[in-house]
Protein backbone atom coordinates (compact mmCIF):
# COMPACT_ATOMS: atom_id res chain seq x y z
CA UNK A 1 -0.39 -0.25 12.81
CA UNK A 2 -3.79 1.42 12.91
CA UNK A 3 -5.39 -1.91 13.74
CA UNK A 4 -2.98 -2.50 16.62
CA UNK A 5 -3.65 0.99 17.96
CA UNK A 6 -7.39 0.35 17.81
CA UNK A 7 -7.05 -3.02 19.55
CA UNK A 8 -4.91 -1.50 22.31
CA UNK A 9 -7.29 1.50 22.55
CA UNK A 10 -4.54 3.96 21.61
CA UNK A 11 -6.16 5.55 18.56
CA UNK A 12 -7.23 8.73 20.37
CA UNK A 13 -3.66 9.32 21.51
CA UNK A 14 -1.89 8.76 18.18
CA UNK A 15 -4.51 10.79 16.32
CA UNK A 16 -4.06 13.62 18.87
CA UNK A 17 -7.76 13.53 19.75
CA UNK A 18 -6.74 13.03 23.37
CA UNK A 19 -3.95 15.25 24.71
CA UNK A 20 -2.16 15.14 28.05
CA UNK A 21 -2.95 18.79 28.78
CA UNK A 22 -6.68 18.07 28.79
CA UNK A 23 -6.38 15.46 31.54
CA UNK A 24 -7.12 16.67 35.06
CA UNK A 25 -6.05 13.79 37.31
CA UNK A 26 -2.56 12.52 38.06
CA UNK A 27 -3.83 9.00 37.45
CA UNK A 28 -5.06 9.98 33.98
CA UNK A 29 -1.76 11.67 33.14
CA UNK A 30 0.23 8.65 34.35
CA UNK A 31 -1.89 6.32 32.23
CA UNK A 32 -1.47 8.65 29.25
CA UNK A 33 2.34 8.61 29.68
CA UNK A 34 2.34 4.81 29.91
CA UNK A 35 0.28 4.60 26.72
CA UNK A 36 2.76 6.92 24.98
CA UNK A 37 5.54 4.47 25.90
CA UNK A 38 3.42 1.58 24.61
CA UNK A 39 2.96 3.39 21.29
CA UNK A 40 6.71 3.99 21.06
CA UNK A 41 7.38 0.30 21.75
CA UNK A 42 4.85 -0.87 19.16
CA UNK A 43 6.30 1.43 16.53
CA UNK A 44 9.88 0.51 17.44
CA UNK A 45 9.18 -3.21 17.17
CA UNK A 46 7.38 -2.83 13.85
CA UNK A 47 9.89 -0.79 11.88
CA UNK A 48 13.02 -1.74 10.00
CA UNK A 49 16.15 -0.17 11.49
CA UNK A 50 16.57 2.46 8.76
CA UNK A 51 13.07 3.87 9.34
CA UNK A 52 13.36 3.68 13.13
CA UNK A 53 16.63 5.61 12.89
CA UNK A 54 14.75 8.49 11.23
CA UNK A 55 12.22 8.86 14.07
CA UNK A 56 13.99 7.57 17.19
CA UNK A 57 14.70 11.10 18.46
CA UNK A 58 10.97 11.76 18.96
CA UNK A 59 10.01 11.91 22.63
CA UNK A 60 6.42 10.64 22.50
CA UNK A 61 4.57 7.90 20.68
CA UNK A 62 2.31 10.50 19.08
CA UNK A 63 5.32 12.39 17.68
CA UNK A 64 6.83 9.14 16.40
CA UNK A 65 3.58 8.19 14.68
CA UNK A 66 3.23 11.62 13.06
CA UNK A 67 6.82 11.50 11.79
CA UNK A 68 6.28 7.99 10.48
CA UNK A 69 3.12 9.08 8.65
CA UNK A 70 5.06 11.97 7.10
CA UNK A 71 7.76 9.57 5.91
CA UNK A 72 5.40 7.01 4.39
CA UNK A 73 2.56 9.20 3.23
CA UNK A 74 4.63 12.19 2.11
CA UNK A 75 1.84 14.49 3.25
CA UNK A 76 3.85 17.70 3.54
CA UNK A 77 6.25 18.04 0.64
CA UNK A 78 4.77 18.30 -2.87
CA UNK A 79 8.15 17.52 -4.43
CA UNK A 80 8.34 14.31 -2.42
CA UNK A 81 4.80 13.41 -3.44
CA UNK A 82 5.61 14.01 -7.12
CA UNK A 83 8.83 11.98 -6.89
CA UNK A 84 7.12 9.10 -5.07
CA UNK A 85 4.28 9.13 -7.61
CA UNK A 86 6.75 8.95 -10.51
CA UNK A 87 8.64 6.09 -8.87
CA UNK A 88 5.45 4.15 -8.23
CA UNK A 89 4.15 4.78 -11.74
CA UNK A 90 7.47 3.58 -13.16
CA UNK A 91 7.29 0.49 -10.94
CA UNK A 92 3.75 -0.17 -12.15
CA UNK A 93 4.89 0.16 -15.78
CA UNK A 94 7.89 -2.14 -15.36
CA UNK A 95 6.57 -4.85 -13.04
CA UNK A 96 6.58 -8.19 -14.85
CA UNK A 97 5.28 -11.64 -14.03
CA UNK A 98 8.09 -14.10 -14.54
CA UNK A 99 7.23 -17.35 -16.34
CA UNK A 100 6.03 -19.82 -13.73
CA UNK A 101 5.60 -17.04 -11.16
CA UNK A 102 2.70 -16.66 -8.74
CA UNK A 103 -0.03 -14.81 -10.65
CA UNK A 104 -2.01 -13.91 -7.51
CA UNK A 105 1.06 -12.41 -5.87
CA UNK A 106 1.84 -10.48 -9.04
CA UNK A 107 -1.69 -9.09 -9.33
CA UNK A 108 -1.72 -8.16 -5.65
CA UNK A 109 1.54 -6.28 -6.07
CA UNK A 110 0.22 -4.30 -9.02
CA UNK A 111 -3.08 -3.49 -7.30
CA UNK A 112 -1.19 -2.42 -4.16
CA UNK A 113 0.97 -0.05 -6.22
CA UNK A 114 -2.15 1.42 -7.83
CA UNK A 115 -3.74 1.84 -4.40
CA UNK A 116 -0.65 3.63 -3.11
CA UNK A 117 -0.72 5.92 -6.15
CA UNK A 118 -4.37 6.67 -5.46
CA UNK A 119 -3.48 7.58 -1.88
CA UNK A 120 -1.04 10.14 -3.33
CA UNK A 121 -3.87 11.57 -5.48
CA UNK A 122 -2.40 10.08 -8.66
CA UNK A 123 -5.15 8.51 -10.73
CA UNK A 124 -4.46 5.44 -12.86
CA UNK A 125 -7.38 5.01 -15.24
CA UNK A 126 -8.93 1.55 -15.47
CA UNK A 127 -8.06 1.19 -19.15
CA UNK A 128 -4.42 2.07 -18.39
CA UNK A 129 -4.34 -0.43 -15.54
CA UNK A 130 -5.73 -3.16 -17.80
CA UNK A 131 -3.04 -2.40 -20.38
CA UNK A 132 -0.28 -2.44 -17.75
CA UNK A 133 -1.58 -5.75 -16.38
CA UNK A 134 -1.57 -7.25 -19.87
CA UNK A 135 1.91 -5.91 -20.61
CA UNK A 136 3.17 -7.37 -17.35
CA UNK A 137 2.38 -10.91 -18.48
CA UNK A 138 5.17 -13.11 -19.90
CA UNK A 139 5.63 -13.44 -23.64
CA UNK A 140 4.17 -16.94 -23.82
CA UNK A 141 1.57 -18.26 -26.24
CA UNK A 142 -1.17 -18.79 -23.65
CA UNK A 143 -0.79 -15.22 -22.42
CA UNK A 144 -0.56 -13.89 -25.97
CA UNK A 145 -3.96 -15.27 -26.86
CA UNK A 146 -5.40 -13.90 -23.61
CA UNK A 147 -3.95 -10.46 -24.35
CA UNK A 148 -5.37 -10.47 -27.89
CA UNK A 149 -8.75 -11.65 -26.68
CA UNK A 150 -8.99 -8.83 -24.17
CA UNK A 151 -7.49 -6.10 -26.36
CA UNK A 152 -9.49 -6.87 -29.46
CA UNK A 153 -12.62 -8.15 -27.71
CA UNK A 154 -12.33 -11.54 -29.40
CA UNK A 155 -14.65 -14.29 -28.34
CA UNK A 156 -17.13 -12.11 -26.48
CA UNK A 157 -19.36 -14.39 -24.47
CA UNK A 158 -17.06 -17.41 -24.67
CA UNK A 159 -14.40 -16.34 -22.19
CA UNK A 160 -15.00 -17.93 -18.82
CA UNK A 161 -13.10 -17.31 -15.64
CA UNK A 162 -11.67 -20.83 -15.88
CA UNK A 163 -10.42 -20.23 -19.43
CA UNK A 164 -8.98 -16.88 -18.37
CA UNK A 165 -7.10 -18.58 -15.52
CA UNK A 166 -5.77 -21.07 -18.04
CA UNK A 167 -4.70 -18.23 -20.31
CA UNK A 168 -7.09 -19.01 -23.17
CA UNK A 169 -9.94 -16.94 -24.55
CA UNK A 170 -11.51 -19.76 -26.59
CA UNK A 171 -12.24 -23.40 -25.74
CA UNK A 172 -9.33 -25.76 -26.28
């Protein structure tokens, strides 16, 4: 959404840098009101119904955006932040790549979860992330040898990116 707001030149309004009270002309106030409606429309068209239901009572685009940020970022309530962090950490621990699944999609999902945890000030150490990534791989021979190679530092200097993609730490 931030990108859309920037493109439409609405960032100052949603970030409350520009406020209606500071405008001196009727033309400026009218334009401001129109931009508030545009923000409300953009938010309304971008949200699933259950999230829109939670913020639809807000009367300005700026209020809607602030409420939406509170919902998604959990910036106010420490209990909510702790609960969300636990849920995300559990999801990170239990996410598994299914045999034959899309590895890139799987890795993206895990990195996105880690990024969201970081945004909640929950640090996942690199070594822990590596272990969770390894544990998320299927129990198949090619992944087993990859896991062993990484965990026990086997074949240092012989692992290439191509062999890693193939799931092998040593030449075939």
